[in-house]
Amino acid sequence: MNKYTAFMEEILLEALSWNAIMWDATMSALIHRNWLQRSLIDEGALLILDYIQPFPFHSLTISTIIALQINIACPTTGLQKVIEIDDEKRLQNLYERRMAQEIDASVLGEEFAGYIMRITGGNDKQGFPMRQGILTNTRVRLLMHKGHKGYRQRRAGERKRKSIRGCIVGQDIAVLNLAIVKIGDNQLAGLTDDSVPRRLGPKRANKIRALFNLTKSDDVTKYVISRTFTSKKGKEVRRAPKIQRLVTPLVLQRKRARKALKLASVLRNKEDKAAYTKLVAQRMSEQKEARRSLISKRRSTRKSQKLAAESN
């Protein structure tokens, strides 16, 4: 009996004094806290079954080893492939790696020699996605709002505390997403040996020019990515996206119209301001003239009253 099976036997003898539920919780906690490695479980599985058979634990379950699924995508060919790895030695090379970190793909197998891949994300066994910026390999509860990954807003302005995984790869990751950054010498079946044409292309005019290396004088409408299919009536139908920000004579005409309208508005505002200033000056002069006439009338009245008083 080696040290691993002896370690398993000690844990088993201690756990058999409990009920089946406590035993299952103990095994799950040990595996989750990395106190038991997957290889130890494999070596001690037969020993555990030999001890369990005489006991009537009908609800007893043992945590089984689930292979890590790796979803590999090749952006240049548009293909992706899912592989499963259950070798602990190869999986150790992925642990403690972070999202957006580039790794040498040869750690996954000899067929990936020369390939460089980038970790783009993943999910744990309960389906919680990894999120960039959370520097932990466990789950945390964050207060999320609209726009956050792993949360969908139900009401306007709603915030809710939700569970999310950290950006560091741990042993409880079930699916890990990788993207090929550099292609090696060997061709991979289902990844680099074929290519899938882009079903949807860019819509913006400048992005179409950048994709096909066009100039301003080239006609962008001839290079838009479209698809042709047969309708239910048996007719050949062509579907193409509407090009955005495309400069046409109609667009230029509308631009000139907007510019002329703005210029006319500026000139009209100047004329209105000049007319208003003239009207204000006229009203002020009228008020001053009326005040002068009123003062002169008062002076003449006082003078006549003074002369009348002196004559009497």
Protein backbone atom coordinates (compact mmCIF):
# COMPACT_ATOMS: atom_id res chain seq x y z
CA MET A 1 0.00 0.00 0.00
CA ASN A 2 1.54 3.30 -1.08
CA LYS A 3 1.18 6.64 0.66
CA TYR A 4 -1.76 7.71 -1.55
CA THR A 5 -3.93 4.67 -0.78
CA ALA A 6 -2.99 4.94 2.90
CA PHE A 7 -4.09 8.58 2.86
CA MET A 8 -7.39 7.57 1.22
CA GLU A 9 -7.95 4.81 3.78
CA GLU A 10 -7.49 7.18 6.70
CA ILE A 11 -10.02 9.61 5.26
CA LEU A 12 -12.45 6.79 4.51
CA LEU A 13 -12.30 5.26 8.00
CA GLU A 14 -12.94 8.64 9.54
CA ALA A 15 -15.83 9.39 7.20
CA LEU A 16 -17.57 6.01 7.62
CA SER A 17 -18.53 7.02 11.13
CA TRP A 18 -20.74 9.70 9.60
CA ASN A 19 -23.73 9.33 7.40
CA ALA A 20 -23.67 9.18 3.62
CA ILE A 21 -24.45 12.84 3.10
CA MET A 22 -21.56 13.97 5.27
CA TRP A 23 -19.23 11.60 3.44
CA ASP A 24 -20.19 12.99 0.05
CA ALA A 25 -19.81 16.55 1.31
CA THR A 26 -16.38 15.68 2.75
CA MET A 27 -15.11 14.25 -0.53
CA SER A 28 -16.46 17.20 -2.53
CA ALA A 29 -14.89 19.70 -0.13
CA LEU A 30 -11.52 17.93 -0.23
CA ILE A 31 -11.49 17.92 -4.01
CA HIS A 32 -12.64 21.55 -4.19
CA ARG A 33 -9.93 22.72 -1.78
CA ASN A 34 -7.27 20.80 -3.72
CA TRP A 35 -6.51 18.60 -0.67
CA LEU A 36 -7.05 15.59 -2.92
CA GLN A 37 -5.73 15.59 -6.45
CA ARG A 38 -7.54 13.89 -9.28
CA SER A 39 -4.85 11.22 -9.58
CA LEU A 40 -5.33 10.32 -5.91
CA ILE A 41 -9.03 9.78 -6.48
CA ASP A 42 -8.30 7.49 -9.43
CA GLU A 43 -5.83 5.37 -7.44
CA GLY A 44 -8.05 5.14 -4.38
CA ALA A 45 -11.38 4.54 -6.16
CA LEU A 46 -11.17 0.72 -5.95
CA LEU A 47 -10.17 0.88 -2.31
CA ILE A 48 -13.16 3.11 -1.52
CA LEU A 49 -15.57 0.75 -3.29
CA ASP A 50 -14.22 -2.24 -1.36
CA TYR A 51 -14.92 -0.44 1.92
CA ILE A 52 -18.34 0.81 0.88
CA GLN A 53 -19.85 -2.45 -0.38
CA PRO A 54 -20.60 -3.95 3.07
CA PHE A 55 -22.40 -0.76 4.19
CA PRO A 56 -26.04 0.01 3.15
CA PHE A 57 -25.33 3.59 1.99
CA HIS A 58 -27.83 3.83 -0.85
CA SER A 59 -27.48 7.60 -1.24
CA LEU A 60 -23.68 7.51 -1.21
CA THR A 61 -22.09 9.12 -4.25
CA ILE A 62 -18.43 9.63 -5.09
CA SER A 63 -17.27 12.73 -6.97
CA THR A 64 -16.13 11.54 -10.37
CA ILE A 65 -13.48 13.17 -12.51
CA ILE A 66 -14.84 15.23 -15.40
CA ALA A 67 -12.45 15.89 -18.25
CA LEU A 68 -11.71 19.52 -19.02
CA GLN A 69 -13.25 20.59 -22.30
CA ILE A 70 -11.12 22.98 -24.33
CA ASN A 71 -12.84 24.98 -27.06
CA ILE A 72 -10.20 25.99 -29.61
CA ALA A 73 -11.08 28.64 -32.22
CA CYS A 74 -9.07 29.68 -35.27
CA PRO A 75 -10.08 33.21 -36.34
CA THR A 76 -8.21 33.03 -39.65
CA THR A 77 -10.16 30.00 -40.90
CA GLY A 78 -13.41 30.55 -39.00
CA LEU A 79 -13.35 27.02 -37.54
CA GLN A 80 -13.48 25.80 -33.97
CA LYS A 81 -13.06 22.47 -32.28
CA VAL A 82 -13.71 21.01 -28.83
CA ILE A 83 -11.26 18.58 -27.29
CA GLU A 84 -11.28 16.89 -23.90
CA ILE A 85 -8.23 16.46 -21.71
CA ASP A 86 -8.27 14.35 -18.54
CA ASP A 87 -4.51 14.11 -18.03
CA GLU A 88 -3.65 15.94 -14.84
CA LYS A 89 -0.05 16.52 -15.92
CA ARG A 90 -1.14 18.42 -19.03
CA LEU A 91 -3.83 20.30 -17.15
CA GLN A 92 -1.31 21.53 -14.58
CA ASN A 93 0.21 23.71 -17.32
CA LEU A 94 -3.09 25.59 -17.66
CA TYR A 95 -3.76 26.24 -14.01
CA GLU A 96 -3.01 29.71 -12.57
CA ARG A 97 -3.07 31.20 -16.07
CA ARG A 98 -5.12 34.35 -16.66
CA MET A 99 -7.47 35.48 -19.39
CA ALA A 100 -5.81 37.18 -22.38
CA GLN A 101 -2.56 35.38 -21.56
CA GLU A 102 -0.80 33.59 -24.40
CA ILE A 103 0.43 30.05 -23.85
CA ASP A 104 2.49 27.53 -25.78
CA ALA A 105 -0.05 25.03 -27.14
CA SER A 106 2.47 22.19 -27.08
CA VAL A 107 1.48 21.61 -23.44
CA LEU A 108 -1.85 20.28 -24.71
CA GLY A 109 -0.26 17.66 -26.96
CA GLU A 110 2.42 16.99 -29.51
CA GLU A 111 0.07 17.81 -32.39
CA PHE A 112 -0.09 21.44 -31.18
CA ALA A 113 3.67 21.99 -31.43
CA GLY A 114 4.48 25.47 -32.72
CA TYR A 115 1.03 26.85 -31.96
CA ILE A 116 0.46 29.81 -29.64
CA MET A 117 -2.99 30.27 -28.13
CA ARG A 118 -4.65 32.96 -26.06
CA ILE A 119 -7.07 32.28 -23.22
CA THR A 120 -10.32 34.09 -24.02
CA GLY A 121 -12.58 32.82 -21.23
CA GLY A 122 -14.32 29.80 -19.81
CA ASN A 123 -16.99 28.44 -17.52
CA ASP A 124 -16.88 26.47 -14.31
CA LYS A 125 -18.85 23.31 -13.63
CA GLN A 126 -21.89 25.30 -12.51
CA GLY A 127 -21.89 27.45 -15.65
CA PHE A 128 -20.58 30.71 -14.20
CA PRO A 129 -18.43 32.50 -16.81
CA MET A 130 -14.95 33.88 -16.23
CA ARG A 131 -14.66 37.65 -16.14
CA GLN A 132 -11.60 39.75 -16.86
CA GLY A 133 -10.23 41.89 -14.06
CA ILE A 134 -11.22 39.63 -11.14
CA LEU A 135 -7.86 38.29 -9.97
CA THR A 136 -8.96 35.05 -8.33
CA ASN A 137 -9.54 31.45 -9.32
CA THR A 138 -12.78 31.13 -7.37
CA ARG A 139 -16.25 32.65 -7.54
CA VAL A 140 -17.05 36.03 -6.05
CA ARG A 141 -20.27 37.99 -5.65
CA LEU A 142 -20.23 41.42 -7.25
CA LEU A 143 -22.79 44.20 -7.40
CA MET A 144 -23.66 44.36 -11.11
CA HIS A 145 -25.68 46.67 -13.28
CA LYS A 146 -26.57 46.95 -16.94
CA GLY A 147 -23.72 46.09 -19.27
CA HIS A 148 -21.86 43.77 -16.91
CA LYS A 149 -21.00 40.25 -18.04
CA GLY A 150 -23.12 37.56 -16.43
CA TYR A 151 -26.07 39.83 -15.58
CA ARG A 152 -29.21 40.83 -17.45
CA GLN A 153 -31.11 43.86 -16.23
CA ARG A 154 -34.83 43.35 -15.58
CA ARG A 155 -35.76 46.91 -14.63
CA ALA A 156 -34.30 50.28 -15.49
CA GLY A 157 -31.52 51.21 -13.11
CA GLU A 158 -31.60 47.85 -11.35
CA ARG A 159 -28.47 46.56 -9.60
CA LYS A 160 -28.03 43.09 -8.18
CA ARG A 161 -25.30 41.09 -6.51
CA LYS A 162 -24.45 38.07 -8.65
CA SER A 163 -21.83 35.34 -8.65
CA ILE A 164 -19.07 35.47 -11.24
CA ARG A 165 -15.82 33.57 -11.74
CA GLY A 166 -12.40 35.12 -11.62
CA CYS A 167 -10.06 35.42 -14.58
CA ILE A 168 -7.55 32.85 -13.27
CA VAL A 169 -7.88 29.26 -14.44
CA GLY A 170 -8.55 26.82 -11.61
CA GLN A 171 -9.25 23.12 -11.19
CA ASP A 172 -13.01 23.60 -11.16
CA ILE A 173 -13.11 24.99 -14.70
CA ALA A 174 -15.24 22.78 -16.96
CA VAL A 175 -14.82 24.57 -20.30
CA LEU A 176 -11.85 26.69 -21.32
CA ASN A 177 -11.91 28.84 -24.47
CA LEU A 178 -8.71 29.30 -26.47
CA ALA A 179 -8.01 31.26 -29.65
CA ILE A 180 -5.12 30.49 -31.99
CA VAL A 181 -2.74 33.42 -32.26
CA LYS A 182 0.06 31.73 -34.21
CA ILE A 183 -0.32 28.67 -36.45
CA GLY A 184 2.36 26.01 -36.25
CA ASP A 185 3.83 23.76 -38.91
CA ASN A 186 1.36 20.90 -38.51
CA GLN A 187 -2.18 21.12 -39.86
CA LEU A 188 -4.93 20.41 -37.33
CA ALA A 189 -7.99 18.55 -38.55
CA GLY A 190 -11.07 20.70 -38.14
CA LEU A 191 -9.09 23.85 -37.36
CA THR A 192 -6.49 24.77 -39.97
CA ASP A 193 -7.06 22.24 -42.78
CA ASP A 194 -10.14 24.04 -44.10
CA SER A 195 -11.75 27.47 -44.06
CA VAL A 196 -15.30 28.70 -43.75
CA PRO A 197 -16.21 31.80 -45.77
CA ARG A 198 -17.54 34.73 -43.84
CA ARG A 199 -21.32 34.71 -43.91
CA LEU A 200 -21.58 38.29 -42.72
CA GLY A 201 -19.18 41.01 -43.80
CA PRO A 202 -18.62 44.60 -42.72
CA LYS A 203 -21.32 47.17 -43.39
CA ARG A 204 -19.43 50.42 -42.96
CA ALA A 205 -17.88 51.79 -46.16
CA ASN A 206 -14.45 52.48 -44.66
CA LYS A 207 -14.27 49.00 -43.13
CA ILE A 208 -15.10 47.44 -46.51
CA ARG A 209 -12.30 49.52 -48.05
CA ALA A 210 -9.93 48.35 -45.35
CA LEU A 211 -10.92 44.69 -45.85
CA PHE A 212 -10.33 44.72 -49.63
CA ASN A 213 -7.59 47.43 -49.64
CA LEU A 214 -9.66 49.84 -51.74
CA THR A 215 -9.18 53.52 -52.44
CA LYS A 216 -11.65 56.39 -52.33
CA SER A 217 -12.18 56.16 -56.09
CA ASP A 218 -13.23 52.47 -56.03
CA ASP A 219 -16.90 51.54 -55.95
CA VAL A 220 -17.60 49.99 -52.55
CA THR A 221 -20.95 48.52 -53.62
CA LYS A 222 -19.19 45.97 -55.84
CA TYR A 223 -17.22 44.51 -52.94
CA VAL A 224 -19.91 44.11 -50.30
CA ILE A 225 -20.23 40.52 -49.02
CA SER A 226 -23.61 39.10 -50.01
CA ARG A 227 -25.29 35.71 -50.06
CA THR A 228 -27.57 34.06 -52.59
CA PHE A 229 -30.23 31.54 -51.69
CA THR A 230 -33.39 30.01 -53.12
CA SER A 231 -36.65 31.31 -51.70
CA LYS A 232 -39.74 29.26 -50.97
CA LYS A 233 -41.11 30.22 -54.37
CA GLY A 234 -38.04 28.81 -56.10
CA LYS A 235 -36.46 32.14 -57.02
CA GLU A 236 -32.83 33.05 -56.57
CA VAL A 237 -32.65 35.85 -54.00
CA ARG A 238 -29.57 37.91 -53.21
CA ARG A 239 -29.20 39.46 -49.79
CA ALA A 240 -26.62 42.13 -49.03
CA PRO A 241 -26.31 44.55 -46.12
CA LYS A 242 -27.04 48.23 -46.55
CA ILE A 243 -23.72 50.05 -46.67
CA GLN A 244 -23.42 52.62 -43.91
CA ARG A 245 -21.66 56.01 -44.21
CA LEU A 246 -21.51 55.67 -47.99
CA VAL A 247 -20.93 59.03 -49.71
CA THR A 248 -23.32 59.35 -52.69
CA PRO A 249 -24.45 62.36 -54.75
CA LEU A 250 -27.67 62.42 -52.76
CA VAL A 251 -25.72 62.52 -49.49
CA LEU A 252 -23.61 65.41 -50.80
CA GLN A 253 -26.75 67.23 -51.96
CA ARG A 254 -28.30 66.90 -48.52
CA LYS A 255 -25.06 68.05 -46.94
CA ARG A 256 -25.05 71.16 -49.14
CA ALA A 257 -28.70 71.78 -48.29
CA ARG A 258 -27.95 71.56 -44.55
CA LYS A 259 -25.02 73.91 -44.97
CA ALA A 260 -27.08 76.40 -46.98
CA LEU A 261 -29.87 76.21 -44.42
CA LYS A 262 -27.42 76.89 -41.60
CA LEU A 263 -25.87 79.82 -43.52
CA ALA A 264 -29.30 81.26 -44.26
CA SER A 265 -30.17 80.95 -40.60
CA VAL A 266 -27.01 82.84 -39.62
CA LEU A 267 -27.74 85.64 -42.12
CA ARG A 268 -31.36 85.83 -40.99
CA ASN A 269 -30.26 86.07 -37.37
CA LYS A 270 -27.89 88.92 -38.26
CA GLU A 271 -30.66 90.78 -40.09
CA ASP A 272 -33.08 90.23 -37.23
CA LYS A 273 -30.49 91.46 -34.75
CA ALA A 274 -29.82 94.57 -36.81
CA ALA A 275 -33.56 95.28 -37.12
CA TYR A 276 -34.05 94.76 -33.39
CA THR A 277 -31.12 97.05 -32.55
CA LYS A 278 -32.52 99.73 -34.86
CA LEU A 279 -35.98 99.40 -33.33
CA VAL A 280 -34.57 99.64 -29.80
CA ALA A 281 -32.60 102.77 -30.72
CA GLN A 282 -35.72 104.31 -32.29
CA ARG A 283 -37.81 103.57 -29.19
CA MET A 284 -35.14 105.02 -26.92
CA SER A 285 -34.95 108.21 -29.00
CA GLU A 286 -38.75 108.50 -28.92
CA GLN A 287 -38.73 108.09 -25.15
CA LYS A 288 -36.03 110.74 -24.79
CA GLU A 289 -37.94 113.16 -27.05
CA ALA A 290 -41.15 112.58 -25.13
CA ARG A 291 -39.34 113.25 -21.85
CA ARG A 292 -37.79 116.45 -23.22
CA SER A 293 -41.18 117.72 -24.38
CA LEU A 294 -42.71 116.85 -21.00
CA ILE A 295 -39.96 118.72 -19.13
CA SER A 296 -40.31 121.76 -21.43
CA LYS A 297 -44.07 121.83 -20.87
CA ARG A 298 -43.58 121.71 -17.10
CA ARG A 299 -41.07 124.53 -17.27
CA SER A 300 -43.37 126.73 -19.39
CA THR A 301 -46.30 126.04 -17.07
CA ARG A 302 -44.28 126.99 -14.00
CA LYS A 303 -43.04 130.13 -15.70
CA SER A 304 -46.54 131.24 -16.70
CA GLN A 305 -47.80 130.55 -13.18
CA LYS A 306 -44.94 132.61 -11.72
CA LEU A 307 -45.69 135.57 -14.05
CA ALA A 308 -49.36 135.43 -13.19
CA ALA A 309 -48.56 135.46 -9.48
CA GLU A 310 -46.26 138.50 -9.85
CA SER A 311 -48.87 140.49 -11.82
CA ASN A 312 -51.46 140.00 -9.11
